[in-house]
Every structure is written in C-alpha cells, then in structure tokens.
C-alpha atoms as a PDB file:
ATOM      1  CA  UNK A   1       0.000   0.000   0.000  1.00  0.00           C
ATOM      2  CA  UNK A   2       2.783   2.428   0.961  1.00  0.00           C
ATOM      3  CA  UNK A   3       4.647   1.705  -2.296  1.00  0.00           C
ATOM      4  CA  UNK A   4       1.468   2.296  -4.336  1.00  0.00           C
ATOM      5  CA  UNK A   5       0.920   5.610  -2.545  1.00  0.00           C
ATOM      6  CA  UNK A   6       4.498   6.687  -3.320  1.00  0.00           C
ATOM      7  CA  UNK A   7       4.133   5.684  -6.982  1.00  0.00           C
ATOM      8  CA  UNK A   8       0.832   7.563  -7.252  1.00  0.00           C
ATOM      9  CA  UNK A   9       2.363  10.655  -5.636  1.00  0.00           C
ATOM     10  CA  UNK A  10       5.336  10.424  -8.011  1.00  0.00           C
ATOM     11  CA  UNK A  11       3.056  10.129 -11.054  1.00  0.00           C
ATOM     12  CA  UNK A  12       1.000  13.105  -9.852  1.00  0.00           C
ATOM     13  CA  UNK A  13       4.150  15.194  -9.369  1.00  0.00           C
ATOM     14  CA  UNK A  14       5.413  14.273 -12.861  1.00  0.00           C
ATOM     15  CA  UNK A  15       2.047  15.197 -14.400  1.00  0.00           C
ATOM     16  CA  UNK A  16       2.045  18.488 -12.476  1.00  0.00           C
ATOM     17  CA  UNK A  17       5.579  19.270 -13.671  1.00  0.00           C
ATOM     18  CA  UNK A  18       4.795  18.529 -17.318  1.00  0.00           C
ATOM     19  CA  UNK A  19       1.549  20.505 -17.187  1.00  0.00           C
ATOM     20  CA  UNK A  20       3.416  23.465 -15.682  1.00  0.00           C
ATOM     21  CA  UNK A  21       5.995  23.419 -18.489  1.00  0.00           C
ATOM     22  CA  UNK A  22       3.418  23.159 -21.287  1.00  0.00           C
ATOM     23  CA  UNK A  23       2.106  26.699 -20.763  1.00  0.00           C
ATOM     24  CA  UNK A  24       5.487  28.341 -20.209  1.00  0.00           C
ATOM     25  CA  UNK A  25       7.949  29.758 -22.711  1.00  0.00           C
ATOM     26  CA  UNK A  26       9.534  27.439 -25.236  1.00  0.00           C
ATOM     27  CA  UNK A  27      13.017  27.847 -26.709  1.00  0.00           C
ATOM     28  CA  UNK A  28      11.437  28.266 -30.161  1.00  0.00           C
ATOM     29  CA  UNK A  29       9.815  31.521 -28.909  1.00  0.00           C
ATOM     30  CA  UNK A  30      13.284  33.133 -29.164  1.00  0.00           C
ATOM     31  CA  UNK A  31      14.295  31.882 -32.626  1.00  0.00           C
ATOM     32  CA  UNK A  32      14.379  35.335 -34.245  1.00  0.00           C
ATOM     33  CA  UNK A  33      15.801  37.284 -31.297  1.00  0.00           C
ATOM     34  CA  UNK A  34      19.110  39.124 -31.618  1.00  0.00           C
ATOM     35  CA  UNK A  35      21.943  39.072 -30.819  1.00  0.00           C
ATOM     36  CA  UNK A  36      22.251  35.400 -31.722  1.00  0.00           C
ATOM     37  CA  UNK A  37      23.800  33.333 -28.918  1.00  0.00           C
ATOM     38  CA  UNK A  38      26.674  30.975 -29.689  1.00  0.00           C
ATOM     39  CA  UNK A  39      27.639  29.349 -26.370  1.00  0.00           C
ATOM     40  CA  UNK A  40      31.063  28.426 -27.727  1.00  0.00           C
ATOM     41  CA  UNK A  41      31.783  32.060 -28.449  1.00  0.00           C
ATOM     42  CA  UNK A  42      30.194  33.612 -25.344  1.00  0.00           C
ATOM     43  CA  UNK A  43      31.577  31.105 -22.829  1.00  0.00           C
ATOM     44  CA  UNK A  44      35.156  31.519 -23.991  1.00  0.00           C
ATOM     45  CA  UNK A  45      37.606  33.457 -21.820  1.00  0.00           C
ATOM     46  CA  UNK A  46      36.997  34.826 -18.321  1.00  0.00           C
ATOM     47  CA  UNK A  47      33.570  35.919 -17.111  1.00  0.00           C
ATOM     48  CA  UNK A  48      32.296  37.378 -13.860  1.00  0.00           C
ATOM     49  CA  UNK A  49      28.819  36.583 -12.568  1.00  0.00           C
ATOM     50  CA  UNK A  50      26.703  38.062  -9.778  1.00  0.00           C
ATOM     51  CA  UNK A  51      23.644  36.315  -8.420  1.00  0.00           C
ATOM     52  CA  UNK A  52      21.030  35.720  -5.773  1.00  0.00           C
ATOM     53  CA  UNK A  53      19.081  32.699  -4.635  1.00  0.00           C
ATOM     54  CA  UNK A  54      15.491  33.458  -3.596  1.00  0.00           C
ATOM     55  CA  UNK A  55      13.165  31.046  -1.833  1.00  0.00           C
ATOM     56  CA  UNK A  56       9.638  30.408  -3.097  1.00  0.00           C
ATOM     57  CA  UNK A  57       8.325  33.481  -1.234  1.00  0.00           C
ATOM     58  CA  UNK A  58      10.858  35.704  -3.053  1.00  0.00           C
ATOM     59  CA  UNK A  59      13.099  36.269  -0.013  1.00  0.00           C
ATOM     60  CA  UNK A  60      16.805  36.537  -0.867  1.00  0.00           C
ATOM     61  CA  UNK A  61      18.475  33.616   0.923  1.00  0.00           C
ATOM     62  CA  UNK A  62      22.013  33.934  -0.486  1.00  0.00           C
ATOM     63  CA  UNK A  63      24.042  36.272  -2.644  1.00  0.00           C
ATOM     64  CA  UNK A  64      27.068  35.064  -4.563  1.00  0.00           C
ATOM     65  CA  UNK A  65      29.707  35.887  -7.140  1.00  0.00           C
ATOM     66  CA  UNK A  66      31.303  33.557  -9.663  1.00  0.00           C
ATOM     67  CA  UNK A  67      34.540  33.764 -11.636  1.00  0.00           C
ATOM     68  CA  UNK A  68      34.349  31.544 -14.710  1.00  0.00           C
ATOM     69  CA  UNK A  69      37.300  30.476 -16.820  1.00  0.00           C
ATOM     70  CA  UNK A  70      35.944  29.010 -20.053  1.00  0.00           C
ATOM     71  CA  UNK A  71      37.598  27.350 -23.034  1.00  0.00           C
ATOM     72  CA  UNK A  72      36.666  25.225 -26.031  1.00  0.00           C
ATOM     73  CA  UNK A  73      38.557  22.680 -28.074  1.00  0.00           C
ATOM     74  CA  UNK A  74      36.484  21.885 -31.132  1.00  0.00           C
ATOM     75  CA  UNK A  75      33.017  20.860 -29.988  1.00  0.00           C
ATOM     76  CA  UNK A  76      33.994  20.342 -26.314  1.00  0.00           C
ATOM     77  CA  UNK A  77      34.100  23.056 -23.700  1.00  0.00           C
ATOM     78  CA  UNK A  78      35.112  23.480 -20.074  1.00  0.00           C
ATOM     79  CA  UNK A  79      33.485  26.033 -17.761  1.00  0.00           C
ATOM     80  CA  UNK A  80      35.566  26.219 -14.574  1.00  0.00           C
ATOM     81  CA  UNK A  81      33.454  28.085 -11.988  1.00  0.00           C
ATOM     82  CA  UNK A  82      34.586  29.425  -8.594  1.00  0.00           C
ATOM     83  CA  UNK A  83      31.671  30.547  -6.383  1.00  0.00           C
ATOM     84  CA  UNK A  84      31.956  32.831  -3.346  1.00  0.00           C
ATOM     85  CA  UNK A  85      28.800  33.163  -1.234  1.00  0.00           C
ATOM     86  CA  UNK A  86      27.771  36.060   1.003  1.00  0.00           C
ATOM     87  CA  UNK A  87      28.303  33.874   4.096  1.00  0.00           C
ATOM     88  CA  UNK A  88      31.964  33.265   3.103  1.00  0.00           C
ATOM     89  CA  UNK A  89      31.423  29.732   1.792  1.00  0.00           C
ATOM     90  CA  UNK A  90      33.200  28.849  -1.468  1.00  0.00           C
ATOM     91  CA  UNK A  91      32.417  26.200  -4.054  1.00  0.00           C
ATOM     92  CA  UNK A  92      33.870  24.939  -7.334  1.00  0.00           C
ATOM     93  CA  UNK A  93      31.996  23.441 -10.258  1.00  0.00           C
ATOM     94  CA  UNK A  94      33.558  22.359 -13.535  1.00  0.00           C
ATOM     95  CA  UNK A  95      31.141  21.877 -16.402  1.00  0.00           C
ATOM     96  CA  UNK A  96      32.208  19.736 -19.357  1.00  0.00           C
ATOM     97  CA  UNK A  97      30.058  20.687 -22.344  1.00  0.00           C
ATOM     98  CA  UNK A  98      29.595  19.131 -25.777  1.00  0.00           C
ATOM     99  CA  UNK A  99      28.089  20.854 -28.776  1.00  0.00           C
ATOM    100  CA  UNK A 100      25.802  18.250 -30.359  1.00  0.00           C
ATOM    101  CA  UNK A 101      24.952  20.300 -33.453  1.00  0.00           C
ATOM    102  CA  UNK A 102      21.920  22.411 -34.363  1.00  0.00           C
ATOM    103  CA  UNK A 103      22.243  24.530 -31.204  1.00  0.00           C
ATOM    104  CA  UNK A 104      21.961  21.519 -28.877  1.00  0.00           C
ATOM    105  CA  UNK A 105      24.375  20.906 -25.983  1.00  0.00           C
ATOM    106  CA  UNK A 106      24.987  18.310 -23.295  1.00  0.00           C
ATOM    107  CA  UNK A 107      26.945  18.789 -20.098  1.00  0.00           C
ATOM    108  CA  UNK A 108      28.229  17.063 -17.020  1.00  0.00           C
ATOM    109  CA  UNK A 109      29.699  18.200 -13.707  1.00  0.00           C
ATOM    110  CA  UNK A 110      30.596  16.338 -10.519  1.00  0.00           C
ATOM    111  CA  UNK A 111      27.483  17.560  -8.679  1.00  0.00           C
ATOM    112  CA  UNK A 112      25.108  17.107 -11.629  1.00  0.00           C
ATOM    113  CA  UNK A 113      23.111  13.873 -11.609  1.00  0.00           C
ATOM    114  CA  UNK A 114      23.217  12.342 -15.080  1.00  0.00           C
ATOM    115  CA  UNK A 115      23.617  14.573 -18.122  1.00  0.00           C
ATOM    116  CA  UNK A 116      22.316  18.108 -18.578  1.00  0.00           C
ATOM    117  CA  UNK A 117      20.674  18.887 -21.902  1.00  0.00           C
ATOM    118  CA  UNK A 118      20.131  22.265 -23.487  1.00  0.00           C
ATOM    119  CA  UNK A 119      19.357  24.127 -26.679  1.00  0.00           C
ATOM    120  CA  UNK A 120      19.950  27.603 -28.071  1.00  0.00           C
ATOM    121  CA  UNK A 121      17.691  29.537 -30.401  1.00  0.00           C
ATOM    122  CA  UNK A 122      18.069  33.220 -31.155  1.00  0.00           C
ATOM    123  CA  UNK A 123      19.455  34.962 -28.067  1.00  0.00           C
ATOM    124  CA  UNK A 124      18.287  32.294 -25.568  1.00  0.00           C
ATOM    125  CA  UNK A 125      19.583  29.060 -24.075  1.00  0.00           C
ATOM    126  CA  UNK A 126      17.406  26.642 -22.101  1.00  0.00           C
ATOM    127  CA  UNK A 127      19.241  24.134 -19.950  1.00  0.00           C
ATOM    128  CA  UNK A 128      17.684  21.357 -17.837  1.00  0.00           C
ATOM    129  CA  UNK A 129      19.522  19.309 -15.238  1.00  0.00           C
ATOM    130  CA  UNK A 130      19.425  17.749 -11.784  1.00  0.00           C
ATOM    131  CA  UNK A 131      21.848  19.162  -9.220  1.00  0.00           C
ATOM    132  CA  UNK A 132      22.900  17.264  -6.068  1.00  0.00           C
ATOM    133  CA  UNK A 133      22.506  20.180  -3.661  1.00  0.00           C
ATOM    134  CA  UNK A 134      23.771  20.025  -0.045  1.00  0.00           C
ATOM    135  CA  UNK A 135      21.073  21.349   2.327  1.00  0.00           C
ATOM    136  CA  UNK A 136      21.429  21.220   6.126  1.00  0.00           C
ATOM    137  CA  UNK A 137      23.752  18.199   6.120  1.00  0.00           C
ATOM    138  CA  UNK A 138      21.728  16.257   3.530  1.00  0.00           C
ATOM    139  CA  UNK A 139      21.936  16.126  -0.272  1.00  0.00           C
ATOM    140  CA  UNK A 140      18.808  16.899  -2.285  1.00  0.00           C
ATOM    141  CA  UNK A 141      18.515  16.136  -5.984  1.00  0.00           C
ATOM    142  CA  UNK A 142      16.964  19.361  -7.270  1.00  0.00           C
ATOM    143  CA  UNK A 143      15.668  19.949 -10.813  1.00  0.00           C
ATOM    144  CA  UNK A 144      16.824  23.124 -12.576  1.00  0.00           C
ATOM    145  CA  UNK A 145      14.966  24.762 -15.465  1.00  0.00           C
ATOM    146  CA  UNK A 146      17.676  27.220 -16.451  1.00  0.00           C
ATOM    147  CA  UNK A 147      17.183  30.045 -18.992  1.00  0.00           C
ATOM    148  CA  UNK A 148      19.924  32.368 -20.272  1.00  0.00           C
ATOM    149  CA  UNK A 149      19.381  35.472 -22.424  1.00  0.00           C
ATOM    150  CA  UNK A 150      22.208  37.186 -24.314  1.00  0.00           C
ATOM    151  CA  UNK A 151      21.770  40.968 -23.989  1.00  0.00           C
ATOM    152  CA  UNK A 152      24.854  42.065 -25.938  1.00  0.00           C
ATOM    153  CA  UNK A 153      28.357  40.730 -26.637  1.00  0.00           C
ATOM    154  CA  UNK A 154      29.352  41.142 -22.943  1.00  0.00           C
ATOM    155  CA  UNK A 155      26.214  40.636 -20.820  1.00  0.00           C
ATOM    156  CA  UNK A 156      23.953  37.624 -20.371  1.00  0.00           C
ATOM    157  CA  UNK A 157      21.099  37.276 -17.862  1.00  0.00           C
ATOM    158  CA  UNK A 158      20.210  33.937 -16.286  1.00  0.00           C
ATOM    159  CA  UNK A 159      17.096  32.824 -14.421  1.00  0.00           C
ATOM    160  CA  UNK A 160      16.771  29.285 -13.116  1.00  0.00           C
ATOM    161  CA  UNK A 161      13.768  27.770 -11.357  1.00  0.00           C
ATOM    162  CA  UNK A 162      14.547  25.058  -8.816  1.00  0.00           C
ATOM    163  CA  UNK A 163      12.027  22.333  -7.976  1.00  0.00           C
ATOM    164  CA  UNK A 164      11.763  18.993  -6.245  1.00  0.00           C
ATOM    165  CA  UNK A 165       8.893  16.529  -6.869  1.00  0.00           C
ATOM    166  CA  UNK A 166       7.350  19.196  -9.110  1.00  0.00           C
ATOM    167  CA  UNK A 167       7.208  21.732  -6.272  1.00  0.00           C
ATOM    168  CA  UNK A 168       8.942  25.062  -6.899  1.00  0.00           C
ATOM    169  CA  UNK A 169      11.615  25.671  -4.238  1.00  0.00           C
ATOM    170  CA  UNK A 170      13.003  28.995  -5.439  1.00  0.00           C
ATOM    171  CA  UNK A 171      14.953  30.767  -8.133  1.00  0.00           C
ATOM    172  CA  UNK A 172      18.506  31.675  -8.985  1.00  0.00           C
ATOM    173  CA  UNK A 173      18.966  34.990 -10.810  1.00  0.00           C
ATOM    174  CA  UNK A 174      22.372  35.743 -12.273  1.00  0.00           C
ATOM    175  CA  UNK A 175      24.119  38.279 -14.497  1.00  0.00           C
ATOM    176  CA  UNK A 176      27.195  37.264 -16.522  1.00  0.00           C
ATOM    177  CA  UNK A 177      29.731  39.807 -17.768  1.00  0.00           C
ATOM    178  CA  UNK A 178      32.625  39.007 -20.114  1.00  0.00           C
ATOM    179  CA  UNK A 179      35.946  40.628 -19.274  1.00  0.00           C
END
C-alpha cells in the first residue's frame, strides 16, 4: 500500500511538472531574437557573474559571485566556476560541455546527476539538469529549469527555477559579464 501511494504521488508530481511546463515559454519563442547566442563564443575566456538565490516566497536567501574560466577545443568546452557566497562559503563546479549540433548541448559536472541537456535559439539558451545540492547536512537532488538570455556581446542574464517533486523551491537569478 505504501509503495502504491508513493508511486501515485510520483506520477502526480510528474504530471504536475509537465503541465506546468506546457504553458510556459519554449526555446522556439526566441528563434528570431538578436543578438544570436553561440555558447562556444560567449563562454570563452573569463567571465564574472553576480547572483542571488530566492526562496519560493521571493526572499533573498544567499548572494554570490562567480569567476568563470571558459575554453573550447572543437566541440567540447570546459566552464571552470569558482563561487563565493555572502556567508563566506566557497564552491567549485567544472562543467564539461559538448556541442551536439543544431544549437543543442549536453553537459556534465561532478554535482550534476546524469547529463544536462540544453538548446539555443536566437538569443536564448534553455538548460535542464538535476543538481545534487547540499542542504542542512543532507543532499537533495533538485531539478533546474535554467534560462539564459544574451543581452549584448558582454552581458547575459540567467534565471533558473529550482524544484523537487514538481514543487517550486526557489529561483537563482544571475548576471554574466565578459571581461
């Protein structure tokens, strides 16, 4: 009985998640937007990023900065990120990206569960992945629906919605600036 209840709850959460995505923006909505985003060009060199994490009520929980050192060899890229949080905590994440053709990308990192998948069209990039996020001594697998918008050759804005079991936990808002 308990297993059936868990399976039913899981199916309901999956249905809720898919229904929530159906009405939202799609990457194709940005196909004609300029400037056109080429991740291999934008994420090449050193970038600085500034961000906040807000909980589901909109309260700022953490502020952070990121220094990113990015490089590409052919169709494979490395984004080496060093985070510094407002509470003094630091973190490192190294993304390994692959350009799959036609604006599609895959990526892995040590704290990403499985493989991230994303696509660019026009000035936008949509990236979906599961992050193993440490919270109060435990690790939560949290789903990210991550959108990036190229504003000009130097600035990109990023907004990511975090959820677990289809329930929105909060958002990460970030601004990238190329040096």
